[in-house]
Amino acid sequence: MTVISIINLKGGVGKTQTTVALSEFLSYNYKKRVLVIDLDPQTNATVSLMDEMKWYEKDRRGETLFQLFNDKIYGMDTFNGERAVVKSVSNINGGIENLDLIPSSLRLIDLEDKLPLISNTGYYVKSPVTVLADSLSGIIKKYDFVIIDCPPNLGLITLSGIYISDYYIIPTIPDILSTYGIPQIISRIESFKKDAGIKINPLGILISMYRSGSRLHRNVIESLQSKAEKGEYPKLFKSYIPLSAKITEAADFNSGFNTIKQKYEGEIFNRYDELARELLEYVR
């Protein structure tokens, strides 16, 4: 079982697209048992993988990650991890049999400032960053891969995902603003790793929304590659994900597809498939 967090401090860099596509390719093309954990309150991975009305109903019944964190804050025990798991998600052929999801909730936003209260509940010291580990350890062991879509920050919810992760991937557009936070991600996770006594390591930087005709993109990639060769940054994945409106269209759950090749056409399919194979080589 391998747990991978997908993280960048900037939104709109392909973080959720990477989470969804990588999970679909690992499960559909390579028959891996995959669980997506959507920690991002924006819920983009959730609504890309399941019907929106069914998600509303699960949130109403307390079967999303909002209920898990809310329970820990207020000392309740209503969240049930097994019931929260949505089986066979995706808009490919009615759902991919071995791809499951633990959905997020927009209401997670309301809990951010209250998470430190977790340490004050009960008769012993608890840490907000162990919430996922304490509640989901039995569930995640059933999968070959767990892919976590993290919020675009390094707050307590994100750190709860980092805490259970073996690796992290930084997707980024190769421009100045999107790559600006990479040193902060690396240094903060390294500090957290030492403090928490965990073994998470960077798996790599993934170039997303790449425009081959852009001189800026080429220059930024050269800079990232140079820093990786010097050991300052993690390695770059060989696969670059191109900028394409097709990827955005594929994220609409109501756009059903018969096969993964139909959802990710042509060059996009090839790049994501290469990414999945590259990842499988790295984590053997």
Protein backbone atom coordinates (compact mmCIF):
# COMPACT_ATOMS: atom_id res chain seq x y z
CA MET A 1 0.00 0.00 0.00
CA THR A 2 1.39 3.36 -1.10
CA VAL A 3 -0.08 6.72 -0.06
CA ILE A 4 0.68 9.78 -2.21
CA SER A 5 -0.32 13.38 -1.48
CA ILE A 6 -0.78 15.78 -4.40
CA ILE A 7 0.08 19.31 -3.27
CA ASN A 8 0.87 22.83 -4.40
CA LEU A 9 0.38 26.07 -2.49
CA LYS A 10 -1.17 27.68 -5.57
CA GLY A 11 -4.55 26.74 -6.94
CA GLY A 12 -5.27 26.18 -10.62
CA VAL A 13 -2.06 24.29 -11.38
CA GLY A 14 -3.60 20.91 -12.22
CA LYS A 15 -3.55 19.43 -8.72
CA THR A 16 -7.02 17.90 -8.88
CA GLN A 17 -6.66 16.94 -12.54
CA THR A 18 -3.52 15.03 -11.59
CA THR A 19 -5.27 13.31 -8.68
CA VAL A 20 -8.22 12.18 -10.77
CA ALA A 21 -6.34 11.18 -13.91
CA LEU A 22 -3.55 9.35 -12.09
CA SER A 23 -6.12 7.44 -10.01
CA GLU A 24 -8.13 6.51 -13.10
CA PHE A 25 -5.10 5.34 -15.06
CA LEU A 26 -3.71 3.28 -12.17
CA SER A 27 -7.06 1.58 -11.61
CA TYR A 28 -8.30 1.25 -15.21
CA ASN A 29 -5.12 0.55 -17.17
CA TYR A 30 -3.03 -1.13 -14.47
CA LYS A 31 -5.73 -2.83 -12.38
CA LYS A 32 -4.55 -1.32 -9.11
CA ARG A 33 -6.95 -0.90 -6.19
CA VAL A 34 -7.05 2.87 -5.70
CA LEU A 35 -8.68 5.09 -3.09
CA VAL A 36 -8.96 8.85 -3.61
CA ILE A 37 -9.17 10.94 -0.43
CA ASP A 38 -10.42 14.44 -1.24
CA LEU A 39 -9.11 16.71 1.52
CA ASP A 40 -9.73 19.91 -0.44
CA PRO A 41 -12.87 21.80 0.69
CA GLN A 42 -13.33 22.95 -2.90
CA THR A 43 -14.46 19.32 -3.54
CA ASN A 44 -13.34 19.35 -7.19
CA ALA A 45 -12.03 15.78 -7.10
CA THR A 46 -15.26 14.64 -5.45
CA VAL A 47 -17.61 16.12 -8.06
CA SER A 48 -15.33 14.92 -10.86
CA LEU A 49 -15.70 11.33 -9.66
CA MET A 50 -19.29 11.04 -8.41
CA ASP A 51 -22.79 12.36 -9.08
CA GLU A 52 -23.32 15.73 -7.41
CA MET A 53 -26.75 14.91 -5.99
CA LYS A 54 -25.46 11.67 -4.44
CA TRP A 55 -22.61 13.69 -2.93
CA TYR A 56 -25.08 16.18 -1.40
CA GLU A 57 -26.93 13.27 0.16
CA LYS A 58 -23.77 11.73 1.59
CA ASP A 59 -22.77 15.08 3.05
CA ARG A 60 -26.22 15.44 4.62
CA ARG A 61 -25.89 11.98 6.20
CA GLY A 62 -22.46 12.78 7.64
CA GLU A 63 -20.59 10.52 5.23
CA THR A 64 -17.91 12.97 4.11
CA LEU A 65 -14.66 14.16 5.66
CA PHE A 66 -16.45 17.11 7.23
CA GLN A 67 -18.08 14.74 9.70
CA LEU A 68 -14.77 13.09 10.54
CA PHE A 69 -13.06 16.35 11.51
CA ASN A 70 -16.23 17.73 13.13
CA ASP A 71 -16.45 14.63 15.34
CA LYS A 72 -12.88 15.10 16.51
CA ILE A 73 -13.43 18.76 17.34
CA TYR A 74 -16.60 18.20 19.37
CA GLY A 75 -15.81 14.78 20.86
CA MET A 76 -18.46 12.90 18.88
CA ASP A 77 -18.31 9.48 17.23
CA THR A 78 -20.79 9.57 14.36
CA PHE A 79 -18.45 9.26 11.34
CA ASN A 80 -18.22 5.77 9.84
CA GLY A 81 -15.33 5.38 7.42
CA GLU A 82 -16.72 2.30 5.68
CA ARG A 83 -20.01 4.06 4.93
CA ALA A 84 -18.16 7.16 3.73
CA VAL A 85 -16.34 5.25 0.97
CA VAL A 86 -18.02 5.61 -2.42
CA LYS A 87 -17.36 2.49 -4.48
CA SER A 88 -16.54 2.33 -8.18
CA VAL A 89 -16.37 6.04 -8.97
CA SER A 90 -15.52 7.89 -12.23
CA ASN A 91 -17.49 8.98 -15.29
CA ILE A 92 -15.87 6.20 -17.32
CA ASN A 93 -18.27 3.38 -18.20
CA GLY A 94 -20.48 4.06 -15.18
CA GLY A 95 -17.57 3.82 -12.76
CA ILE A 96 -14.25 1.98 -12.49
CA GLU A 97 -14.65 -1.17 -10.42
CA ASN A 98 -11.47 -0.83 -8.32
CA LEU A 99 -11.51 2.98 -7.88
CA ASP A 100 -13.10 4.30 -4.68
CA LEU A 101 -13.48 7.74 -3.07
CA ILE A 102 -13.81 9.30 0.35
CA PRO A 103 -15.52 12.59 -0.53
CA SER A 104 -14.85 16.07 0.76
CA SER A 105 -17.35 18.75 1.79
CA LEU A 106 -17.62 22.48 1.27
CA ARG A 107 -18.29 22.67 5.01
CA LEU A 108 -14.68 21.76 5.76
CA ILE A 109 -13.86 25.43 5.21
CA ASP A 110 -15.80 26.27 8.38
CA LEU A 111 -13.62 23.95 10.49
CA GLU A 112 -10.14 25.26 9.66
CA ASP A 113 -9.93 27.67 12.60
CA LYS A 114 -11.42 25.14 15.03
CA LEU A 115 -9.03 22.25 14.35
CA PRO A 116 -6.62 23.15 17.20
CA LEU A 117 -9.51 22.38 19.59
CA ILE A 118 -8.98 18.68 18.83
CA SER A 119 -5.99 18.72 21.17
CA ASN A 120 -8.28 19.66 24.07
CA THR A 121 -10.85 16.89 23.74
CA GLY A 122 -10.91 13.75 25.84
CA TYR A 123 -8.63 12.83 28.72
CA TYR A 124 -5.39 12.64 26.78
CA VAL A 125 -3.50 14.76 24.30
CA LYS A 126 -4.58 14.32 20.67
CA SER A 127 -3.13 15.97 17.58
CA PRO A 128 -5.22 17.28 14.67
CA VAL A 129 -2.65 15.88 12.24
CA THR A 130 -3.37 12.28 13.27
CA VAL A 131 -7.09 12.45 12.48
CA LEU A 132 -6.87 10.51 9.19
CA ALA A 133 -4.37 8.02 10.60
CA ASP A 134 -6.54 7.33 13.65
CA SER A 135 -9.77 6.93 11.69
CA LEU A 136 -8.85 5.50 8.29
CA SER A 137 -5.83 3.25 8.85
CA GLY A 138 -7.91 0.08 8.56
CA ILE A 139 -9.56 1.24 5.35
CA ILE A 140 -6.50 2.42 3.44
CA LYS A 141 -4.73 -0.91 3.98
CA LYS A 142 -7.17 -2.48 1.53
CA TYR A 143 -5.74 -0.53 -1.42
CA ASP A 144 -2.62 -0.64 -3.56
CA PHE A 145 -2.60 3.16 -3.84
CA VAL A 146 -4.21 5.97 -1.89
CA ILE A 147 -4.09 9.34 -3.70
CA ILE A 148 -4.82 12.41 -1.57
CA ASP A 149 -5.94 15.69 -3.15
CA CYS A 150 -4.66 18.27 -0.64
CA PRO A 151 -5.88 21.86 -0.21
CA PRO A 152 -3.57 24.58 -1.62
CA ASN A 153 -2.02 25.27 1.78
CA LEU A 154 -0.02 23.57 4.51
CA GLY A 155 -2.63 23.85 7.25
CA LEU A 156 -3.70 21.13 9.66
CA ILE A 157 -6.02 19.37 7.20
CA THR A 158 -3.23 19.11 4.65
CA LEU A 159 -0.77 17.94 7.31
CA SER A 160 -3.18 15.17 8.30
CA GLY A 161 -2.82 13.88 4.74
CA ILE A 162 0.95 14.35 4.73
CA TYR A 163 1.11 12.42 8.03
CA ILE A 164 -0.18 9.20 6.42
CA SER A 165 1.66 9.65 3.11
CA ASP A 166 4.71 7.81 1.83
CA TYR A 167 5.31 10.33 -0.95
CA TYR A 168 4.15 13.64 -2.31
CA ILE A 169 3.93 15.02 -5.85
CA ILE A 170 4.06 18.73 -6.70
CA PRO A 171 2.15 19.48 -9.92
CA THR A 172 3.00 22.89 -11.31
CA ILE A 173 2.55 25.07 -14.35
CA PRO A 174 6.07 25.99 -15.49
CA ASP A 175 5.76 29.69 -14.73
CA ILE A 176 7.06 31.99 -12.00
CA LEU A 177 3.96 32.22 -9.81
CA SER A 178 3.13 28.50 -9.86
CA THR A 179 6.66 27.41 -8.92
CA TYR A 180 7.22 30.15 -6.34
CA GLY A 181 6.00 28.06 -3.40
CA ILE A 182 8.02 24.90 -4.15
CA PRO A 183 10.83 25.71 -1.66
CA GLN A 184 8.24 26.37 1.06
CA ILE A 185 6.52 23.05 0.40
CA ILE A 186 9.80 21.14 0.58
CA SER A 187 11.12 22.87 3.70
CA ARG A 188 7.81 22.74 5.59
CA ILE A 189 7.28 19.05 4.87
CA GLU A 190 10.88 18.26 5.85
CA SER A 191 10.41 20.08 9.17
CA PHE A 192 7.09 18.32 9.76
CA LYS A 193 8.68 15.00 8.84
CA LYS A 194 11.31 15.41 11.55
CA ASP A 195 8.88 16.65 14.19
CA ALA A 196 6.28 13.95 13.50
CA GLY A 197 8.73 11.10 12.98
CA ILE A 198 7.29 10.10 9.61
CA LYS A 199 9.04 8.88 6.44
CA ILE A 200 7.41 10.85 3.64
CA ASN A 201 9.63 11.68 0.65
CA PRO A 202 9.10 13.76 -2.51
CA LEU A 203 8.24 11.62 -5.52
CA GLY A 204 8.75 14.41 -8.02
CA ILE A 205 7.61 17.65 -9.63
CA LEU A 206 5.03 17.20 -12.40
CA ILE A 207 4.88 19.75 -15.21
CA SER A 208 1.21 20.43 -16.01
CA MET A 209 -0.62 22.72 -18.45
CA TYR A 210 2.55 22.79 -20.52
CA ARG A 211 2.71 24.90 -23.69
CA SER A 212 5.51 23.71 -25.91
CA GLY A 213 5.55 27.01 -27.79
CA SER A 214 6.13 29.07 -24.66
CA ARG A 215 9.67 30.31 -24.12
CA LEU A 216 8.80 31.04 -20.48
CA HIS A 217 7.69 27.46 -19.92
CA ARG A 218 10.88 26.10 -21.46
CA ASN A 219 13.06 28.44 -19.39
CA VAL A 220 11.29 27.59 -16.13
CA ILE A 221 11.59 23.85 -16.84
CA GLU A 222 15.33 24.29 -17.46
CA SER A 223 15.62 26.09 -14.11
CA LEU A 224 13.66 23.36 -12.30
CA GLN A 225 15.77 20.67 -13.95
CA SER A 226 18.98 22.43 -12.94
CA LYS A 227 17.86 22.67 -9.32
CA ALA A 228 16.82 19.01 -9.36
CA GLU A 229 20.23 17.96 -10.67
CA LYS A 230 21.88 19.94 -7.85
CA GLY A 231 19.69 18.19 -5.29
CA GLU A 232 17.86 21.40 -4.36
CA TYR A 233 14.52 20.20 -5.77
CA PRO A 234 12.95 16.77 -6.31
CA LYS A 235 13.35 15.21 -9.74
CA LEU A 236 11.04 16.20 -12.57
CA PHE A 237 8.73 13.57 -13.99
CA LYS A 238 9.63 12.83 -17.59
CA SER A 239 5.98 13.14 -18.59
CA TYR A 240 4.72 16.68 -19.17
CA ILE A 241 0.94 17.15 -19.18
CA PRO A 242 -0.06 19.55 -21.97
CA LEU A 243 -2.52 22.42 -21.63
CA SER A 244 -5.78 21.23 -23.15
CA ALA A 245 -9.45 22.15 -22.94
CA LYS A 246 -10.20 18.43 -23.25
CA ILE A 247 -8.88 17.83 -19.73
CA THR A 248 -11.28 20.43 -18.33
CA GLU A 249 -14.19 18.96 -20.28
CA ALA A 250 -13.34 15.48 -19.02
CA ALA A 251 -13.73 16.69 -15.42
CA ASP A 252 -17.49 17.14 -15.92
CA PHE A 253 -19.02 14.05 -14.30
CA ASN A 254 -22.10 14.30 -16.49
CA SER A 255 -19.94 13.83 -19.58
CA GLY A 256 -19.97 10.05 -19.63
CA PHE A 257 -17.26 8.12 -21.46
CA ASN A 258 -17.12 4.48 -22.51
CA THR A 259 -13.37 4.05 -22.15
CA ILE A 260 -10.41 5.87 -20.68
CA LYS A 261 -9.08 6.48 -24.19
CA GLN A 262 -12.31 8.25 -25.05
CA LYS A 263 -12.04 10.47 -21.96
CA TYR A 264 -8.36 11.30 -22.43
CA GLU A 265 -7.85 11.57 -26.16
CA GLY A 266 -4.64 11.30 -28.17
CA GLU A 267 -1.61 13.01 -26.69
CA ILE A 268 -3.28 13.55 -23.30
CA PHE A 269 -3.89 9.82 -22.95
CA ASN A 270 -0.27 9.06 -23.82
CA ARG A 271 1.12 11.58 -21.32
CA TYR A 272 -1.02 10.40 -18.41
CA ASP A 273 -0.31 6.76 -19.22
CA GLU A 274 3.42 7.52 -19.24
CA LEU A 275 3.01 9.27 -15.89
CA ALA A 276 1.29 6.24 -14.38
CA ARG A 277 3.99 3.90 -15.67
CA GLU A 278 6.71 6.23 -14.42
CA LEU A 279 5.12 6.33 -10.98
CA LEU A 280 4.87 2.53 -10.86
CA GLU A 281 8.60 2.32 -11.61
CA TYR A 282 9.45 4.77 -8.83
CA VAL A 283 7.44 3.13 -6.05
CA ARG A 284 8.37 -0.52 -6.61
